[in-house]
Protein backbone atom coordinates (compact mmCIF):
# COMPACT_ATOMS: atom_id res chain seq x y z
CA MET A 1 0.27 0.20 0.21
CA ILE A 2 1.22 3.35 -1.05
CA GLN A 3 1.23 4.66 3.04
CA LEU A 4 3.54 1.53 3.66
CA SER A 5 6.10 2.54 1.06
CA ILE A 6 6.06 6.16 2.33
CA GLU A 7 6.32 5.12 5.60
CA GLY A 8 9.24 3.37 4.90
CA LEU A 9 11.16 5.86 2.85
CA LEU A 10 10.49 8.51 6.07
CA VAL A 11 12.15 6.12 8.36
CA HIS A 12 15.09 5.46 6.65
CA PHE A 13 15.64 8.52 4.93
CA SER A 14 14.37 11.00 7.49
CA TYR A 15 13.94 14.32 6.86
CA LEU A 16 15.44 14.09 3.24
CA ALA A 17 12.95 12.11 2.35
CA VAL A 18 10.02 14.57 3.77
CA PHE A 19 11.72 17.24 1.68
CA LEU A 20 11.84 15.44 -1.65
CA LEU A 21 8.31 13.74 -1.53
CA ILE A 22 6.69 17.35 -0.71
CA ALA A 23 8.75 18.93 -3.53
CA ALA A 24 8.36 16.59 -5.84
CA SER A 25 4.65 16.81 -4.97
CA GLY A 26 4.59 20.34 -5.60
CA ALA A 27 6.51 20.22 -8.86
CA PHE A 28 3.39 19.07 -10.72
CA LEU A 29 3.69 15.07 -10.24
CA PRO A 30 0.93 12.92 -8.77
CA LEU A 31 2.35 12.54 -5.12
CA PRO A 32 -0.17 12.18 -2.53
CA GLU A 33 1.22 15.28 -0.47
CA GLU A 34 -1.35 14.60 2.41
CA ILE A 35 -0.46 11.00 3.48
CA VAL A 36 3.46 12.13 3.42
CA LEU A 37 2.34 14.84 5.80
CA ILE A 38 -0.29 12.63 7.77
CA VAL A 39 2.46 9.38 8.10
CA GLY A 40 5.45 12.18 9.28
CA GLY A 41 3.57 13.24 11.96
CA TYR A 42 2.63 9.41 12.69
CA LEU A 43 6.36 8.66 12.92
CA ALA A 44 6.99 11.80 14.72
CA SER A 45 4.32 10.62 17.68
CA LEU A 46 6.44 7.39 17.25
CA GLY A 47 9.66 9.40 18.09
CA PHE A 48 11.20 8.59 14.55
CA LEU A 49 10.88 11.84 13.12
CA ARG A 50 10.61 15.42 15.81
CA LEU A 51 7.45 17.64 14.75
CA PRO A 52 9.61 20.99 15.42
CA LEU A 53 11.88 19.95 12.67
CA LEU A 54 9.24 17.90 10.32
CA ILE A 55 6.99 21.27 9.79
CA PRO A 56 9.55 23.55 8.83
CA VAL A 57 11.29 20.63 6.30
CA ALA A 58 7.81 20.27 4.83
CA LEU A 59 7.43 23.79 4.41
CA LEU A 60 10.78 24.07 3.08
CA GLY A 61 9.61 21.18 0.31
CA THR A 62 6.30 22.72 -0.48
CA LEU A 63 7.63 25.83 -0.94
CA VAL A 64 10.60 24.56 -3.47
CA GLY A 65 8.11 22.49 -5.57
CA ASP A 66 5.20 25.12 -5.77
CA ASN A 67 7.54 27.42 -7.17
CA ILE A 68 9.22 24.95 -9.84
CA ALA A 69 5.34 24.38 -10.66
CA PHE A 70 5.05 28.27 -10.57
CA TRP A 71 8.00 28.77 -13.13
CA ILE A 72 6.95 25.42 -15.08
CA GLY A 73 3.83 27.39 -15.22
CA ARG A 74 5.09 30.88 -16.18
CA LYS A 75 7.32 29.49 -19.32
CA ARG A 76 4.96 26.81 -20.56
CA GLY A 77 1.80 26.81 -19.08
CA ILE A 78 0.10 28.20 -21.76
CA PHE A 79 -0.63 24.54 -22.89
CA PHE A 80 -2.37 23.86 -19.56
CA PHE A 81 -3.93 27.07 -19.17
CA LYS A 82 -5.99 26.58 -22.51
CA PRO A 83 -8.16 23.42 -21.61
CA ILE A 84 -8.12 24.52 -17.89
CA ALA A 85 -9.39 28.15 -18.38
CA ARG A 86 -12.14 27.25 -20.97
CA PHE A 87 -13.92 24.56 -18.31
CA LEU A 88 -13.14 27.08 -14.99
CA PHE A 89 -14.52 30.22 -17.18
CA ALA A 90 -16.21 29.24 -20.15
CA THR A 91 -14.51 31.10 -22.95
CA LYS A 92 -12.47 30.20 -25.47
CA ARG A 93 -10.85 33.69 -25.08
CA ILE A 94 -7.55 32.70 -23.09
CA ALA A 95 -6.99 36.59 -22.73
CA LYS A 96 -10.12 36.88 -21.32
CA ALA A 97 -9.51 33.69 -19.05
CA GLN A 98 -6.16 35.26 -17.72
CA GLN A 99 -8.16 38.50 -16.67
CA GLU A 100 -10.28 35.94 -14.82
CA PHE A 101 -7.97 34.22 -12.85
CA HIS A 102 -6.44 37.37 -11.97
CA LYS A 103 -9.41 38.87 -10.37
CA HIS A 104 -9.60 35.81 -8.40
CA SER A 105 -5.64 34.78 -8.17
CA ALA A 106 -5.15 35.06 -4.66
CA TRP A 107 -8.12 33.04 -3.38
CA MET A 108 -7.49 30.58 -6.18
CA VAL A 109 -3.96 29.87 -5.07
CA PHE A 110 -4.68 30.16 -1.22
CA SER A 111 -7.85 27.83 -1.83
CA ALA A 112 -6.13 25.34 -4.10
CA ARG A 113 -3.74 24.07 -1.04
CA PHE A 114 -6.73 22.52 0.63
CA LEU A 115 -8.54 20.79 -1.81
CA VAL A 116 -7.47 17.17 -2.97
CA GLY A 117 -6.48 16.39 -6.17
CA VAL A 118 -6.77 19.72 -7.57
CA ARG A 119 -3.83 21.25 -5.52
CA PHE A 120 -1.25 21.28 -8.33
CA LEU A 121 -3.19 23.46 -10.53
CA GLY A 122 -2.83 26.51 -8.23
CA PRO A 123 0.98 27.25 -8.62
CA ILE A 124 1.20 26.15 -12.76
CA LEU A 125 -2.03 28.34 -13.37
CA ALA A 126 -0.91 31.07 -11.36
CA GLY A 127 2.65 31.10 -13.48
CA ALA A 128 1.00 30.76 -16.67
CA SER A 129 -1.48 33.47 -16.16
CA GLN A 130 1.42 36.03 -15.27
CA MET A 131 0.40 36.25 -11.72
CA PRO A 132 3.29 38.85 -9.88
CA TRP A 133 5.85 36.20 -7.98
CA LYS A 134 5.56 37.82 -4.80
CA ARG A 135 1.74 37.76 -4.46
CA PHE A 136 2.17 33.95 -5.40
CA GLN A 137 4.76 33.49 -2.46
CA PHE A 138 2.46 35.30 -0.46
CA TYR A 139 -0.91 33.35 -1.20
CA ASN A 140 0.76 30.01 -1.32
CA PHE A 141 2.77 30.61 2.16
CA LEU A 142 -0.46 31.62 3.71
CA GLY A 143 -2.29 28.79 2.65
CA ALA A 144 0.83 26.25 3.14
CA ILE A 145 1.79 27.64 6.91
CA ILE A 146 -2.05 26.38 7.79
CA TRP A 147 -1.88 23.05 6.17
CA ILE A 148 1.30 21.45 6.53
CA PRO A 149 1.02 21.99 10.77
CA ALA A 150 -2.86 20.73 10.36
CA MET A 151 -1.93 17.34 8.50
CA THR A 152 1.27 16.50 10.79
CA GLY A 153 -0.87 17.58 13.56
CA VAL A 154 -3.68 14.94 12.70
CA GLY A 155 -0.81 12.19 11.95
CA TYR A 156 0.78 13.35 15.43
CA PHE A 157 -2.10 13.20 17.52
CA LEU A 158 -3.93 10.11 15.94
CA GLY A 159 -0.54 8.59 16.77
CA ARG A 160 -1.30 4.55 17.03
CA HIS A 161 -4.45 4.90 15.82
CA ILE A 162 -3.28 5.62 12.45
CA GLU A 163 -2.88 1.85 10.95
CA ARG A 164 -6.44 1.32 12.48
CA LEU A 165 -7.75 3.92 10.50
CA PHE A 166 -6.46 3.04 6.88
CA HIS A 167 -7.60 -0.39 7.85
CA ASP A 168 -11.30 1.14 8.70
CA VAL A 169 -11.15 2.97 5.50
CA GLU A 170 -10.30 -0.41 3.52
CA PHE A 171 -12.82 -2.19 5.42
CA LEU A 172 -15.45 0.48 4.82
CA ARG A 173 -14.67 0.59 0.88
CA HIS A 174 -15.23 -3.31 0.77
CA VAL A 175 -18.63 -2.67 2.86
CA LEU A 176 -19.81 -0.16 0.39
CA ILE A 177 -19.09 -2.78 -2.92
CA VAL A 178 -20.76 -5.19 -0.86
CA VAL A 179 -23.35 -2.98 -1.24
CA PHE A 180 -23.78 -1.88 -4.66
CA ILE A 181 -23.72 -5.20 -5.78
CA VAL A 182 -26.45 -6.32 -3.69
CA VAL A 183 -28.62 -3.26 -4.72
CA ALA A 184 -27.60 -3.56 -8.29
CA LEU A 185 -28.85 -7.48 -7.97
CA ILE A 186 -32.05 -6.28 -6.66
CA ALA A 187 -32.68 -3.89 -9.20
CA VAL A 188 -32.00 -6.80 -11.74
CA LEU A 189 -34.46 -9.00 -10.35
CA ILE A 190 -37.23 -6.59 -10.01
CA ILE A 191 -37.03 -5.40 -13.69
CA TRP A 192 -36.69 -9.04 -14.75
CA ARG A 193 -40.14 -10.04 -12.34
CA LYS A 194 -41.67 -6.98 -14.21
CA ARG A 195 -40.88 -8.09 -17.74
CA LYS A 196 -41.73 -11.49 -16.98
CA GLN A 197 -45.49 -10.67 -15.44
CA ARG A 198 -46.12 -8.57 -18.98
């Protein structure tokens, strides 16, 4: 499982692994930043890492990764911006879409930090829309300084219960699959009986 492989990396490579994984996650790579932070907090609760050092290392990794994504967006981001702009702003005029992003850029960069699955869009869209770098830095840092302590804190205070949490999530997924299959079978049976009655 992915959380177990991340846990192994953090145990063996400590803060370097935290920095590299978080930076890679910010640099437009599909890595689960929140799992790294939660597992890091969990390992801190067991004494493998120190929370006062973990948080600034994770913050540094976030800022490095997000700045890489920002400059990718600034140089090549128009290729990403075009389809996303059409979806978000319902317009085919890229210049108009860029203006719309500028109006809401601060809120988009800040809020993207808390949206799982679309977090990577914030920095690259900010770069592609020519958002001023200092403005991006401020709102990106503001989101990160809230998000990172929150996620590491969740892992830290869950402590030894985190393994049970992952197990419960997996159990719930299996229950939902079974419920879906049962409901589907009942629906098929009802349809079959109605057709037979005709």
